[in-house]
Amino acid sequence: MVNHYRQIIHPRIPQLAMIGYAEGISNIVSNEMRCQWVAHFLDGNIELPSIKEMERDVKLWEDNMKQYSRKFYWRSCIVTCGIWYNDQLCRDMKCNPRRKKGLFAELFEPYGPGDYNGLVHK
């Protein structure tokens, strides 16, 4: 398994983005979020941190997957922390990660694909 910054780009090869290379249909929403992240990155709206910071983030992600997935961490699935991951991508894209309308909805309604519409501005 090769870990990438934000599960998209390798810290030492930022010109190469990989999306959906080791995942299934259950992660289609996360893959769409990654595509939107790449679109923001290509538009110049996302500035990458230093290589050391990206490698530190990759190591943190890998340690988290090892802790929660045990011996199957190499088959890691983003679903275990999908909202947190999507919130990180939203922050990178300078979008509000709180996508619901109102506090009650934010606390009690589940997040779905429709909550992340319109993150890429044309």
PDB file of N, CA and C in Angstrom:
ATOM      1  N   MET A   1       0.837  -1.180   0.000  1.00  0.00           N
ATOM      2  CA  MET A   1       0.000   0.000   0.000  1.00  0.00           C
ATOM      3  C   MET A   1       0.880   1.241   0.000  1.00  0.00           C
ATOM      4  N   VAL A   2       0.597   2.148  -0.871  1.00  0.00           N
ATOM      5  CA  VAL A   2       1.306   3.421  -0.933  1.00  0.00           C
ATOM      6  C   VAL A   2       0.344   4.496  -0.439  1.00  0.00           C
ATOM      7  N   ASN A   3       0.705   5.124   0.656  1.00  0.00           N
ATOM      8  CA  ASN A   3      -0.151   6.169   1.210  1.00  0.00           C
ATOM      9  C   ASN A   3       0.148   7.502   0.554  1.00  0.00           C
ATOM     10  N   HIS A   4      -0.883   8.297   0.408  1.00  0.00           N
ATOM     11  CA  HIS A   4      -0.774   9.590  -0.246  1.00  0.00           C
ATOM     12  C   HIS A   4      -1.339  10.680   0.649  1.00  0.00           C
ATOM     13  N   TYR A   5      -0.904  11.907   0.402  1.00  0.00           N
ATOM     14  CA  TYR A   5      -1.443  13.052   1.125  1.00  0.00           C
ATOM     15  C   TYR A   5      -2.906  13.211   0.736  1.00  0.00           C
ATOM     16  N   ARG A   6      -3.771  13.256   1.731  1.00  0.00           N
ATOM     17  CA  ARG A   6      -5.222  13.327   1.548  1.00  0.00           C
ATOM     18  C   ARG A   6      -5.735  12.155   0.711  1.00  0.00           C
ATOM     19  N   GLN A   7      -4.967  11.067   0.681  1.00  0.00           N
ATOM     20  CA  GLN A   7      -5.295   9.876  -0.107  1.00  0.00           C
ATOM     21  C   GLN A   7      -5.379  10.199  -1.598  1.00  0.00           C
ATOM     22  N   ILE A   8      -4.642  11.239  -2.027  1.00  0.00           N
ATOM     23  CA  ILE A   8      -4.721  11.676  -3.421  1.00  0.00           C
ATOM     24  C   ILE A   8      -3.353  11.769  -4.081  1.00  0.00           C
ATOM     25  N   ILE A   9      -2.405  12.484  -3.464  1.00  0.00           N
ATOM     26  CA  ILE A   9      -1.106  12.702  -4.102  1.00  0.00           C
ATOM     27  C   ILE A   9       0.025  12.250  -3.188  1.00  0.00           C
ATOM     28  N   HIS A  10       1.089  11.779  -3.804  1.00  0.00           N
ATOM     29  CA  HIS A  10       2.280  11.389  -3.064  1.00  0.00           C
ATOM     30  C   HIS A  10       3.029  12.660  -2.681  1.00  0.00           C
ATOM     31  N   PRO A  11       3.495  12.750  -1.426  1.00  0.00           N
ATOM     32  CA  PRO A  11       4.180  13.978  -0.993  1.00  0.00           C
ATOM     33  C   PRO A  11       5.391  14.356  -1.842  1.00  0.00           C
ATOM     34  N   ARG A  12       6.075  13.382  -2.396  1.00  0.00           N
ATOM     35  CA  ARG A  12       7.280  13.677  -3.176  1.00  0.00           C
ATOM     36  C   ARG A  12       7.007  13.776  -4.677  1.00  0.00           C
ATOM     37  N   ILE A  13       5.761  13.474  -5.103  1.00  0.00           N
ATOM     38  CA  ILE A  13       5.387  13.582  -6.513  1.00  0.00           C
ATOM     39  C   ILE A  13       4.046  14.321  -6.592  1.00  0.00           C
ATOM     40  N   PRO A  14       4.018  15.622  -6.291  1.00  0.00           N
ATOM     41  CA  PRO A  14       2.729  16.337  -6.249  1.00  0.00           C
ATOM     42  C   PRO A  14       2.090  16.559  -7.619  1.00  0.00           C
ATOM     43  N   GLN A  15       2.779  16.216  -8.702  1.00  0.00           N
ATOM     44  CA  GLN A  15       2.206  16.388 -10.038  1.00  0.00           C
ATOM     45  C   GLN A  15       1.340  15.196 -10.443  1.00  0.00           C
ATOM     46  N   LEU A  16       1.294  14.157  -9.622  1.00  0.00           N
ATOM     47  CA  LEU A  16       0.570  12.935  -9.945  1.00  0.00           C
ATOM     48  C   LEU A  16      -0.531  12.701  -8.920  1.00  0.00           C
ATOM     49  N   ALA A  17      -1.778  12.719  -9.367  1.00  0.00           N
ATOM     50  CA  ALA A  17      -2.918  12.454  -8.486  1.00  0.00           C
ATOM     51  C   ALA A  17      -3.478  11.074  -8.797  1.00  0.00           C
ATOM     52  N   MET A  18      -3.830  10.346  -7.745  1.00  0.00           N
ATOM     53  CA  MET A  18      -4.417   9.023  -7.905  1.00  0.00           C
ATOM     54  C   MET A  18      -5.728   9.005  -7.148  1.00  0.00           C
ATOM     55  N   ILE A  19      -6.798   8.630  -7.842  1.00  0.00           N
ATOM     56  CA  ILE A  19      -8.129   8.607  -7.232  1.00  0.00           C
ATOM     57  C   ILE A  19      -8.765   7.254  -7.516  1.00  0.00           C
ATOM     58  N   GLY A  20      -9.220   6.595  -6.448  1.00  0.00           N
ATOM     59  CA  GLY A  20      -9.944   5.340  -6.601  1.00  0.00           C
ATOM     60  C   GLY A  20      -9.096   4.159  -7.002  1.00  0.00           C
ATOM     61  N   TYR A  21      -7.802   4.198  -6.745  1.00  0.00           N
ATOM     62  CA  TYR A  21      -6.913   3.140  -7.207  1.00  0.00           C
ATOM     63  C   TYR A  21      -7.059   1.848  -6.422  1.00  0.00           C
ATOM     64  N   ALA A  22      -7.557   1.883  -5.190  1.00  0.00           N
ATOM     65  CA  ALA A  22      -7.646   0.648  -4.402  1.00  0.00           C
ATOM     66  C   ALA A  22      -8.967   0.575  -3.650  1.00  0.00           C
ATOM     67  N   GLU A  23     -10.006   1.085  -4.240  1.00  0.00           N
ATOM     68  CA  GLU A  23     -11.262   1.145  -3.516  1.00  0.00           C
ATOM     69  C   GLU A  23     -12.409   0.652  -4.377  1.00  0.00           C
ATOM     70  N   GLY A  24     -13.538   0.501  -3.758  1.00  0.00           N
ATOM     71  CA  GLY A  24     -14.692  -0.019  -4.463  1.00  0.00           C
ATOM     72  C   GLY A  24     -15.780   1.020  -4.632  1.00  0.00           C
ATOM     73  N   ILE A  25     -16.924   0.547  -5.049  1.00  0.00           N
ATOM     74  CA  ILE A  25     -18.064   1.410  -5.335  1.00  0.00           C
ATOM     75  C   ILE A  25     -18.601   2.082  -4.079  1.00  0.00           C
ATOM     76  N   SER A  26     -18.353   1.499  -2.916  1.00  0.00           N
ATOM     77  CA  SER A  26     -18.863   2.077  -1.672  1.00  0.00           C
ATOM     78  C   SER A  26     -18.223   3.424  -1.350  1.00  0.00           C
ATOM     79  N   ASN A  27     -17.119   3.729  -1.971  1.00  0.00           N
ATOM     80  CA  ASN A  27     -16.416   4.983  -1.703  1.00  0.00           C
ATOM     81  C   ASN A  27     -16.606   6.004  -2.812  1.00  0.00           C
ATOM     82  N   ILE A  28     -17.662   5.901  -3.562  1.00  0.00           N
ATOM     83  CA  ILE A  28     -17.843   6.803  -4.706  1.00  0.00           C
ATOM     84  C   ILE A  28     -17.986   8.258  -4.266  1.00  0.00           C
ATOM     85  N   VAL A  29     -18.627   8.509  -3.126  1.00  0.00           N
ATOM     86  CA  VAL A  29     -18.762   9.887  -2.642  1.00  0.00           C
ATOM     87  C   VAL A  29     -17.394  10.460  -2.292  1.00  0.00           C
ATOM     88  N   SER A  30     -16.563   9.669  -1.613  1.00  0.00           N
ATOM     89  CA  SER A  30     -15.212  10.130  -1.283  1.00  0.00           C
ATOM     90  C   SER A  30     -14.391  10.349  -2.546  1.00  0.00           C
ATOM     91  N   ASN A  31     -14.566   9.493  -3.540  1.00  0.00           N
ATOM     92  CA  ASN A  31     -13.844   9.683  -4.796  1.00  0.00           C
ATOM     93  C   ASN A  31     -14.290  10.957  -5.511  1.00  0.00           C
ATOM     94  N   GLU A  32     -15.583  11.267  -5.447  1.00  0.00           N
ATOM     95  CA  GLU A  32     -16.070  12.520  -6.033  1.00  0.00           C
ATOM     96  C   GLU A  32     -15.496  13.718  -5.290  1.00  0.00           C
ATOM     97  N   MET A  33     -15.406  13.617  -3.969  1.00  0.00           N
ATOM     98  CA  MET A  33     -14.796  14.697  -3.174  1.00  0.00           C
ATOM     99  C   MET A  33     -13.326  14.874  -3.556  1.00  0.00           C
ATOM    100  N   ARG A  34     -12.646  13.761  -3.769  1.00  0.00           N
ATOM    101  CA  ARG A  34     -11.239  13.846  -4.175  1.00  0.00           C
ATOM    102  C   ARG A  34     -11.103  14.531  -5.534  1.00  0.00           C
ATOM    103  N   CYS A  35     -12.003  14.208  -6.440  1.00  0.00           N
ATOM    104  CA  CYS A  35     -11.984  14.851  -7.761  1.00  0.00           C
ATOM    105  C   CYS A  35     -12.199  16.354  -7.630  1.00  0.00           C
ATOM    106  N   GLN A  36     -13.113  16.752  -6.754  1.00  0.00           N
ATOM    107  CA  GLN A  36     -13.335  18.176  -6.535  1.00  0.00           C
ATOM    108  C   GLN A  36     -12.097  18.820  -5.916  1.00  0.00           C
ATOM    109  N   TRP A  37     -11.439  18.105  -5.005  1.00  0.00           N
ATOM    110  CA  TRP A  37     -10.208  18.600  -4.393  1.00  0.00           C
ATOM    111  C   TRP A  37      -9.141  18.811  -5.464  1.00  0.00           C
ATOM    112  N   VAL A  38      -9.000  17.830  -6.364  1.00  0.00           N
ATOM    113  CA  VAL A  38      -8.014  17.949  -7.447  1.00  0.00           C
ATOM    114  C   VAL A  38      -8.355  19.143  -8.349  1.00  0.00           C
ATOM    115  N   ALA A  39      -9.633  19.354  -8.637  1.00  0.00           N
ATOM    116  CA  ALA A  39     -10.042  20.504  -9.453  1.00  0.00           C
ATOM    117  C   ALA A  39      -9.648  21.812  -8.776  1.00  0.00           C
ATOM    118  N   HIS A  40      -9.851  21.906  -7.476  1.00  0.00           N
ATOM    119  CA  HIS A  40      -9.432  23.101  -6.737  1.00  0.00           C
ATOM    120  C   HIS A  40      -7.914  23.244  -6.767  1.00  0.00           C
ATOM    121  N   PHE A  41      -7.220  22.127  -6.612  1.00  0.00           N
ATOM    122  CA  PHE A  41      -5.757  22.151  -6.633  1.00  0.00           C
ATOM    123  C   PHE A  41      -5.242  22.625  -7.991  1.00  0.00           C
ATOM    124  N   LEU A  42      -5.818  22.111  -9.067  1.00  0.00           N
ATOM    125  CA  LEU A  42      -5.389  22.510 -10.411  1.00  0.00           C
ATOM    126  C   LEU A  42      -5.728  23.973 -10.712  1.00  0.00           C
ATOM    127  N   ASP A  43      -6.798  24.477 -10.100  1.00  0.00           N
ATOM    128  CA  ASP A  43      -7.152  25.891 -10.260  1.00  0.00           C
ATOM    129  C   ASP A  43      -6.252  26.810  -9.441  1.00  0.00           C
ATOM    130  N   GLY A  44      -5.416  26.234  -8.591  1.00  0.00           N
ATOM    131  CA  GLY A  44      -4.518  27.032  -7.756  1.00  0.00           C
ATOM    132  C   GLY A  44      -5.148  27.504  -6.461  1.00  0.00           C
ATOM    133  N   ASN A  45      -6.275  26.924  -6.073  1.00  0.00           N
ATOM    134  CA  ASN A  45      -6.960  27.330  -4.846  1.00  0.00           C
ATOM    135  C   ASN A  45      -6.468  26.600  -3.609  1.00  0.00           C
ATOM    136  N   ILE A  46      -5.648  25.585  -3.785  1.00  0.00           N
ATOM    137  CA  ILE A  46      -5.107  24.821  -2.659  1.00  0.00           C
ATOM    138  C   ILE A  46      -3.594  24.890  -2.736  1.00  0.00           C
ATOM    139  N   GLU A  47      -2.999  25.308  -1.632  1.00  0.00           N
ATOM    140  CA  GLU A  47      -1.541  25.330  -1.545  1.00  0.00           C
ATOM    141  C   GLU A  47      -1.107  24.164  -0.662  1.00  0.00           C
ATOM    142  N   LEU A  48      -0.231  23.347  -1.185  1.00  0.00           N
ATOM    143  CA  LEU A  48       0.223  22.177  -0.448  1.00  0.00           C
ATOM    144  C   LEU A  48       1.189  22.583   0.660  1.00  0.00           C
ATOM    145  N   PRO A  49       1.137  21.871   1.796  1.00  0.00           N
ATOM    146  CA  PRO A  49       2.130  22.118   2.840  1.00  0.00           C
ATOM    147  C   PRO A  49       3.489  21.573   2.412  1.00  0.00           C
ATOM    148  N   SER A  50       4.477  21.732   3.258  1.00  0.00           N
ATOM    149  CA  SER A  50       5.817  21.235   2.940  1.00  0.00           C
ATOM    150  C   SER A  50       5.796  19.707   2.852  1.00  0.00           C
ATOM    151  N   ILE A  51       6.827  19.160   2.243  1.00  0.00           N
ATOM    152  CA  ILE A  51       6.934  17.698   2.102  1.00  0.00           C
ATOM    153  C   ILE A  51       6.921  17.033   3.467  1.00  0.00           C
ATOM    154  N   LYS A  52       7.640  17.598   4.429  1.00  0.00           N
ATOM    155  CA  LYS A  52       7.683  17.028   5.783  1.00  0.00           C
ATOM    156  C   LYS A  52       6.290  17.001   6.414  1.00  0.00           C
ATOM    157  N   GLU A  53       5.528  18.083   6.262  1.00  0.00           N
ATOM    158  CA  GLU A  53       4.178  18.131   6.827  1.00  0.00           C
ATOM    159  C   GLU A  53       3.265  17.121   6.138  1.00  0.00           C
ATOM    160  N   MET A  54       3.398  16.995   4.818  1.00  0.00           N
ATOM    161  CA  MET A  54       2.581  16.012   4.103  1.00  0.00           C
ATOM    162  C   MET A  54       2.945  14.601   4.540  1.00  0.00           C
ATOM    163  N   GLU A  55       4.235  14.314   4.695  1.00  0.00           N
ATOM    164  CA  GLU A  55       4.651  12.984   5.140  1.00  0.00           C
ATOM    165  C   GLU A  55       4.178  12.699   6.555  1.00  0.00           C
ATOM    166  N   ARG A  56       4.161  13.721   7.407  1.00  0.00           N
ATOM    167  CA  ARG A  56       3.652  13.564   8.766  1.00  0.00           C
ATOM    168  C   ARG A  56       2.148  13.232   8.727  1.00  0.00           C
ATOM    169  N   ASP A  57       1.409  13.902   7.861  1.00  0.00           N
ATOM    170  CA  ASP A  57      -0.022  13.633   7.713  1.00  0.00           C
ATOM    171  C   ASP A  57      -0.254  12.219   7.190  1.00  0.00           C
ATOM    172  N   VAL A  58       0.539  11.793   6.224  1.00  0.00           N
ATOM    173  CA  VAL A  58       0.430  10.438   5.670  1.00  0.00           C
ATOM    174  C   VAL A  58       0.704   9.403   6.758  1.00  0.00           C
ATOM    175  N   LYS A  59       1.718   9.648   7.587  1.00  0.00           N
ATOM    176  CA  LYS A  59       2.066   8.726   8.679  1.00  0.00           C
ATOM    177  C   LYS A  59       0.933   8.660   9.699  1.00  0.00           C
ATOM    178  N   LEU A  60       0.338   9.800  10.021  1.00  0.00           N
ATOM    179  CA  LEU A  60      -0.790   9.835  10.951  1.00  0.00           C
ATOM    180  C   LEU A  60      -1.955   9.019  10.411  1.00  0.00           C
ATOM    181  N   TRP A  61      -2.243   9.187   9.122  1.00  0.00           N
ATOM    182  CA  TRP A  61      -3.328   8.430   8.479  1.00  0.00           C
ATOM    183  C   TRP A  61      -3.024   6.931   8.512  1.00  0.00           C
ATOM    184  N   GLU A  62      -1.791   6.560   8.187  1.00  0.00           N
ATOM    185  CA  GLU A  62      -1.406   5.146   8.185  1.00  0.00           C
ATOM    186  C   GLU A  62      -1.525   4.544   9.582  1.00  0.00           C
ATOM    187  N   ASP A  63      -1.055   5.277  10.603  1.00  0.00           N
ATOM    188  CA  ASP A  63      -1.157   4.783  11.976  1.00  0.00           C
ATOM    189  C   ASP A  63      -2.609   4.609  12.390  1.00  0.00           C
ATOM    190  N   ASN A  64      -3.464   5.537  11.985  1.00  0.00           N
ATOM    191  CA  ASN A  64      -4.890   5.437  12.285  1.00  0.00           C
ATOM    192  C   ASN A  64      -5.486   4.195  11.635  1.00  0.00           C
ATOM    193  N   MET A  65      -5.148   3.945  10.384  1.00  0.00           N
ATOM    194  CA  MET A  65      -5.677   2.763   9.690  1.00  0.00           C
ATOM    195  C   MET A  65      -5.177   1.473  10.332  1.00  0.00           C
ATOM    196  N   LYS A  66      -3.909   1.459  10.749  1.00  0.00           N
ATOM    197  CA  LYS A  66      -3.366   0.262  11.399  1.00  0.00           C
ATOM    198  C   LYS A  66      -4.066   0.005  12.724  1.00  0.00           C
ATOM    199  N   GLN A  67      -4.370   1.078  13.450  1.00  0.00           N
ATOM    200  CA  GLN A  67      -5.010   0.934  14.747  1.00  0.00           C
ATOM    201  C   GLN A  67      -6.426   0.386  14.619  1.00  0.00           C
ATOM    202  N   TYR A  68      -7.188   0.880  13.662  1.00  0.00           N
ATOM    203  CA  TYR A  68      -8.589   0.505  13.569  1.00  0.00           C
ATOM    204  C   TYR A  68      -8.863  -0.656  12.629  1.00  0.00           C
ATOM    205  N   SER A  69      -7.969  -0.917  11.695  1.00  0.00           N
ATOM    206  CA  SER A  69      -8.200  -1.998  10.740  1.00  0.00           C
ATOM    207  C   SER A  69      -7.367  -3.231  11.044  1.00  0.00           C
ATOM    208  N   ARG A  70      -6.510  -3.114  12.036  1.00  0.00           N
ATOM    209  CA  ARG A  70      -5.638  -4.219  12.461  1.00  0.00           C
ATOM    210  C   ARG A  70      -4.800  -4.750  11.294  1.00  0.00           C
ATOM    211  N   LYS A  71      -4.798  -6.072  11.112  1.00  0.00           N
ATOM    212  CA  LYS A  71      -3.907  -6.656  10.104  1.00  0.00           C
ATOM    213  C   LYS A  71      -4.360  -6.393   8.675  1.00  0.00           C
ATOM    214  N   PHE A  72      -5.567  -5.882   8.468  1.00  0.00           N
ATOM    215  CA  PHE A  72      -6.072  -5.621   7.125  1.00  0.00           C
ATOM    216  C   PHE A  72      -5.951  -4.149   6.745  1.00  0.00           C
ATOM    217  N   TYR A  73      -5.061  -3.404   7.409  1.00  0.00           N
ATOM    218  CA  TYR A  73      -4.966  -1.967   7.150  1.00  0.00           C
ATOM    219  C   TYR A  73      -4.611  -1.659   5.699  1.00  0.00           C
ATOM    220  N   TRP A  74      -3.925  -2.532   5.022  1.00  0.00           N
ATOM    221  CA  TRP A  74      -3.557  -2.300   3.624  1.00  0.00           C
ATOM    222  C   TRP A  74      -4.782  -2.278   2.723  1.00  0.00           C
ATOM    223  N   ARG A  75      -5.909  -2.801   3.227  1.00  0.00           N
ATOM    224  CA  ARG A  75      -7.170  -2.727   2.486  1.00  0.00           C
ATOM    225  C   ARG A  75      -8.047  -1.648   3.105  1.00  0.00           C
ATOM    226  N   SER A  76      -7.408  -0.561   3.516  1.00  0.00           N
ATOM    227  CA  SER A  76      -8.112   0.468   4.282  1.00  0.00           C
ATOM    228  C   SER A  76      -9.288   1.030   3.507  1.00  0.00           C
ATOM    229  N   CYS A  77     -10.302   1.343   4.243  1.00  0.00           N
ATOM    230  CA  CYS A  77     -11.523   1.892   3.678  1.00  0.00           C
ATOM    231  C   CYS A  77     -11.785   3.245   4.326  1.00  0.00           C
ATOM    232  N   ILE A  78     -12.024   4.238   3.525  1.00  0.00           N
ATOM    233  CA  ILE A  78     -12.222   5.587   4.047  1.00  0.00           C
ATOM    234  C   ILE A  78     -13.553   5.750   4.749  1.00  0.00           C
ATOM    235  N   VAL A  79     -14.456   4.796   4.602  1.00  0.00           N
ATOM    236  CA  VAL A  79     -15.789   4.900   5.173  1.00  0.00           C
ATOM    237  C   VAL A  79     -15.749   5.018   6.689  1.00  0.00           C
ATOM    238  N   THR A  80     -14.741   4.442   7.331  1.00  0.00           N
ATOM    239  CA  THR A  80     -14.681   4.462   8.791  1.00  0.00           C
ATOM    240  C   THR A  80     -14.596   5.874   9.346  1.00  0.00           C
ATOM    241  N   CYS A  81     -14.115   6.806   8.594  1.00  0.00           N
ATOM    242  CA  CYS A  81     -14.017   8.194   9.064  1.00  0.00           C
ATOM    243  C   CYS A  81     -14.338   9.146   7.921  1.00  0.00           C
ATOM    244  N   GLY A  82     -15.367   8.822   7.158  1.00  0.00           N
ATOM    245  CA  GLY A  82     -15.706   9.567   5.949  1.00  0.00           C
ATOM    246  C   GLY A  82     -16.062  11.018   6.173  1.00  0.00           C
ATOM    247  N   ILE A  83     -16.857  11.313   7.194  1.00  0.00           N
ATOM    248  CA  ILE A  83     -17.248  12.703   7.419  1.00  0.00           C
ATOM    249  C   ILE A  83     -16.033  13.529   7.811  1.00  0.00           C
ATOM    250  N   TRP A  84     -15.196  12.984   8.679  1.00  0.00           N
ATOM    251  CA  TRP A  84     -13.978  13.691   9.082  1.00  0.00           C
ATOM    252  C   TRP A  84     -13.081  13.946   7.870  1.00  0.00           C
ATOM    253  N   TYR A  85     -12.938  12.943   7.027  1.00  0.00           N
ATOM    254  CA  TYR A  85     -12.110  13.078   5.829  1.00  0.00           C
ATOM    255  C   TYR A  85     -12.682  14.130   4.883  1.00  0.00           C
ATOM    256  N   ASN A  86     -13.988  14.079   4.642  1.00  0.00           N
ATOM    257  CA  ASN A  86     -14.625  15.072   3.770  1.00  0.00           C
ATOM    258  C   ASN A  86     -14.522  16.474   4.356  1.00  0.00           C
ATOM    259  N   ASP A  87     -14.600  16.589   5.689  1.00  0.00           N
ATOM    260  CA  ASP A  87     -14.412  17.895   6.336  1.00  0.00           C
ATOM    261  C   ASP A  87     -13.012  18.437   6.068  1.00  0.00           C
ATOM    262  N   GLN A  88     -12.020  17.563   6.119  1.00  0.00           N
ATOM    263  CA  GLN A  88     -10.654  18.000   5.820  1.00  0.00           C
ATOM    264  C   GLN A  88     -10.540  18.504   4.385  1.00  0.00           C
ATOM    265  N   LEU A  89     -11.125  17.772   3.453  1.00  0.00           N
ATOM    266  CA  LEU A  89     -11.080  18.196   2.055  1.00  0.00           C
ATOM    267  C   LEU A  89     -11.801  19.527   1.872  1.00  0.00           C
ATOM    268  N   CYS A  90     -12.935  19.706   2.552  1.00  0.00           N
ATOM    269  CA  CYS A  90     -13.670  20.977   2.469  1.00  0.00           C
ATOM    270  C   CYS A  90     -12.805  22.124   2.995  1.00  0.00           C
ATOM    271  N   ARG A  91     -12.141  21.919   4.119  1.00  0.00           N
ATOM    272  CA  ARG A  91     -11.270  22.970   4.665  1.00  0.00           C
ATOM    273  C   ARG A  91     -10.151  23.311   3.692  1.00  0.00           C
ATOM    274  N   ASP A  92      -9.566  22.298   3.066  1.00  0.00           N
ATOM    275  CA  ASP A  92      -8.513  22.547   2.073  1.00  0.00           C
ATOM    276  C   ASP A  92      -9.044  23.388   0.917  1.00  0.00           C
ATOM    277  N   MET A  93     -10.298  23.150   0.526  1.00  0.00           N
ATOM    278  CA  MET A  93     -10.901  23.869  -0.595  1.00  0.00           C
ATOM    279  C   MET A  93     -11.506  25.207  -0.166  1.00  0.00           C
ATOM    280  N   LYS A  94     -11.284  25.560   1.116  1.00  0.00           N
ATOM    281  CA  LYS A  94     -11.803  26.814   1.679  1.00  0.00           C
ATOM    282  C   LYS A  94     -13.330  26.866   1.631  1.00  0.00           C
ATOM    283  N   CYS A  95     -13.952  25.705   1.837  1.00  0.00           N
ATOM    284  CA  CYS A  95     -15.408  25.597   1.911  1.00  0.00           C
ATOM    285  C   CYS A  95     -15.781  25.285   3.358  1.00  0.00           C
ATOM    286  N   ASN A  96     -16.956  25.685   3.739  1.00  0.00           N
ATOM    287  CA  ASN A  96     -17.441  25.396   5.075  1.00  0.00           C
ATOM    288  C   ASN A  96     -17.708  23.897   5.188  1.00  0.00           C
ATOM    289  N   PRO A  97     -17.028  23.193   6.118  1.00  0.00           N
ATOM    290  CA  PRO A  97     -17.279  21.757   6.255  1.00  0.00           C
ATOM    291  C   PRO A  97     -18.655  21.442   6.823  1.00  0.00           C
ATOM    292  N   ARG A  98     -19.273  22.406   7.461  1.00  0.00           N
ATOM    293  CA  ARG A  98     -20.628  22.207   7.971  1.00  0.00           C
ATOM    294  C   ARG A  98     -21.592  22.477   6.831  1.00  0.00           C
ATOM    295  N   ARG A  99     -22.065  21.420   6.202  1.00  0.00           N
ATOM    296  CA  ARG A  99     -22.831  21.521   4.965  1.00  0.00           C
ATOM    297  C   ARG A  99     -24.343  21.546   5.189  1.00  0.00           C
ATOM    298  N   LYS A 100     -24.801  21.311   6.397  1.00  0.00           N
ATOM    299  CA  LYS A 100     -26.236  21.282   6.672  1.00  0.00           C
ATOM    300  C   LYS A 100     -26.757  22.689   6.945  1.00  0.00           C
ATOM    301  N   LYS A 101     -28.041  22.853   6.788  1.00  0.00           N
ATOM    302  CA  LYS A 101     -28.676  24.141   7.059  1.00  0.00           C
ATOM    303  C   LYS A 101     -29.286  24.102   8.451  1.00  0.00           C
ATOM    304  N   GLY A 102     -28.602  24.672   9.417  1.00  0.00           N
ATOM    305  CA  GLY A 102     -29.109  24.738  10.782  1.00  0.00           C
ATOM    306  C   GLY A 102     -28.436  23.762  11.720  1.00  0.00           C
ATOM    307  N   LEU A 103     -28.431  24.121  12.993  1.00  0.00           N
ATOM    308  CA  LEU A 103     -27.778  23.319  14.020  1.00  0.00           C
ATOM    309  C   LEU A 103     -28.461  21.963  14.211  1.00  0.00           C
ATOM    310  N   PHE A 104     -29.788  21.950  14.208  1.00  0.00           N
ATOM    311  CA  PHE A 104     -30.513  20.693  14.390  1.00  0.00           C
ATOM    312  C   PHE A 104     -30.172  19.702  13.283  1.00  0.00           C
ATOM    313  N   ALA A 105     -30.171  20.174  12.052  1.00  0.00           N
ATOM    314  CA  ALA A 105     -29.837  19.306  10.915  1.00  0.00           C
ATOM    315  C   ALA A 105     -28.387  18.831  11.015  1.00  0.00           C
ATOM    316  N   GLU A 106     -27.492  19.724  11.425  1.00  0.00           N
ATOM    317  CA  GLU A 106     -26.078  19.365  11.552  1.00  0.00           C
ATOM    318  C   GLU A 106     -25.875  18.256  12.588  1.00  0.00           C
ATOM    319  N   LEU A 107     -26.635  18.311  13.649  1.00  0.00           N
ATOM    320  CA  LEU A 107     -26.475  17.334  14.723  1.00  0.00           C
ATOM    321  C   LEU A 107     -27.172  15.998  14.464  1.00  0.00           C
ATOM    322  N   PHE A 108     -28.310  16.024  13.756  1.00  0.00           N
ATOM    323  CA  PHE A 108     -29.124  14.809  13.701  1.00  0.00           C
ATOM    324  C   PHE A 108     -29.355  14.210  12.321  1.00  0.00           C
ATOM    325  N   GLU A 109     -29.089  14.936  11.255  1.00  0.00           N
ATOM    326  CA  GLU A 109     -29.293  14.383   9.921  1.00  0.00           C
ATOM    327  C   GLU A 109     -27.984  13.803   9.388  1.00  0.00           C
ATOM    328  N   PRO A 110     -28.049  12.655   8.741  1.00  0.00           N
ATOM    329  CA  PRO A 110     -26.829  12.073   8.189  1.00  0.00           C
ATOM    330  C   PRO A 110     -26.335  12.855   6.969  1.00  0.00           C
ATOM    331  N   TYR A 111     -25.033  12.821   6.777  1.00  0.00           N
ATOM    332  CA  TYR A 111     -24.456  13.436   5.583  1.00  0.00           C
ATOM    333  C   TYR A 111     -24.598  12.482   4.408  1.00  0.00           C
ATOM    334  N   GLY A 112     -24.863  13.047   3.248  1.00  0.00           N
ATOM    335  CA  GLY A 112     -24.982  12.257   2.036  1.00  0.00           C
ATOM    336  C   GLY A 112     -24.351  12.989   0.870  1.00  0.00           C
ATOM    337  N   PRO A 113     -24.378  12.407  -0.305  1.00  0.00           N
ATOM    338  CA  PRO A 113     -23.748  13.020  -1.470  1.00  0.00           C
ATOM    339  C   PRO A 113     -24.276  14.416  -1.789  1.00  0.00           C
ATOM    340  N   GLY A 114     -25.568  14.646  -1.581  1.00  0.00           N
ATOM    341  CA  GLY A 114     -26.157  15.946  -1.893  1.00  0.00           C
ATOM    342  C   GLY A 114     -25.618  17.081  -1.038  1.00  0.00           C
ATOM    343  N   ASP A 115     -25.071  16.753   0.125  1.00  0.00           N
ATOM    344  CA  ASP A 115     -24.532  17.795   1.006  1.00  0.00           C
ATOM    345  C   ASP A 115     -23.241  18.404   0.475  1.00  0.00           C
ATOM    346  N   TYR A 116     -22.615  17.746  -0.461  1.00  0.00           N
ATOM    347  CA  TYR A 116     -21.335  18.224  -0.985  1.00  0.00           C
ATOM    348  C   TYR A 116     -21.449  18.769  -2.399  1.00  0.00           C
ATOM    349  N   ASN A 117     -22.654  19.033  -2.870  1.00  0.00           N
ATOM    350  CA  ASN A 117     -22.847  19.636  -4.194  1.00  0.00           C
ATOM    351  C   ASN A 117     -22.338  21.069  -4.202  1.00  0.00           C
ATOM    352  N   GLY A 118     -21.822  21.498  -5.331  1.00  0.00           N
ATOM    353  CA  GLY A 118     -21.468  22.893  -5.512  1.00  0.00           C
ATOM    354  C   GLY A 118     -20.176  23.342  -4.873  1.00  0.00           C
ATOM    355  N   LEU A 119     -19.268  22.428  -4.587  1.00  0.00           N
ATOM    356  CA  LEU A 119     -17.991  22.838  -4.003  1.00  0.00           C
ATOM    357  C   LEU A 119     -17.046  23.420  -5.044  1.00  0.00           C
ATOM    358  N   VAL A 120     -17.207  23.026  -6.287  1.00  0.00           N
ATOM    359  CA  VAL A 120     -16.368  23.551  -7.364  1.00  0.00           C
ATOM    360  C   VAL A 120     -17.133  24.666  -8.044  1.00  0.00           C
ATOM    361  N   HIS A 121     -16.578  25.864  -7.968  1.00  0.00           N
ATOM    362  CA  HIS A 121     -17.222  27.020  -8.566  1.00  0.00           C
ATOM    363  C   HIS A 121     -16.755  27.185 -10.005  1.00  0.00           C
ATOM    364  N   LYS A 122     -17.674  27.467 -10.872  1.00  0.00           N
ATOM    365  CA  LYS A 122     -17.321  27.609 -12.289  1.00  0.00           C
ATOM    366  C   LYS A 122     -17.153  29.058 -12.649  1.00  0.00           C
TER     367      LYS A 122
END
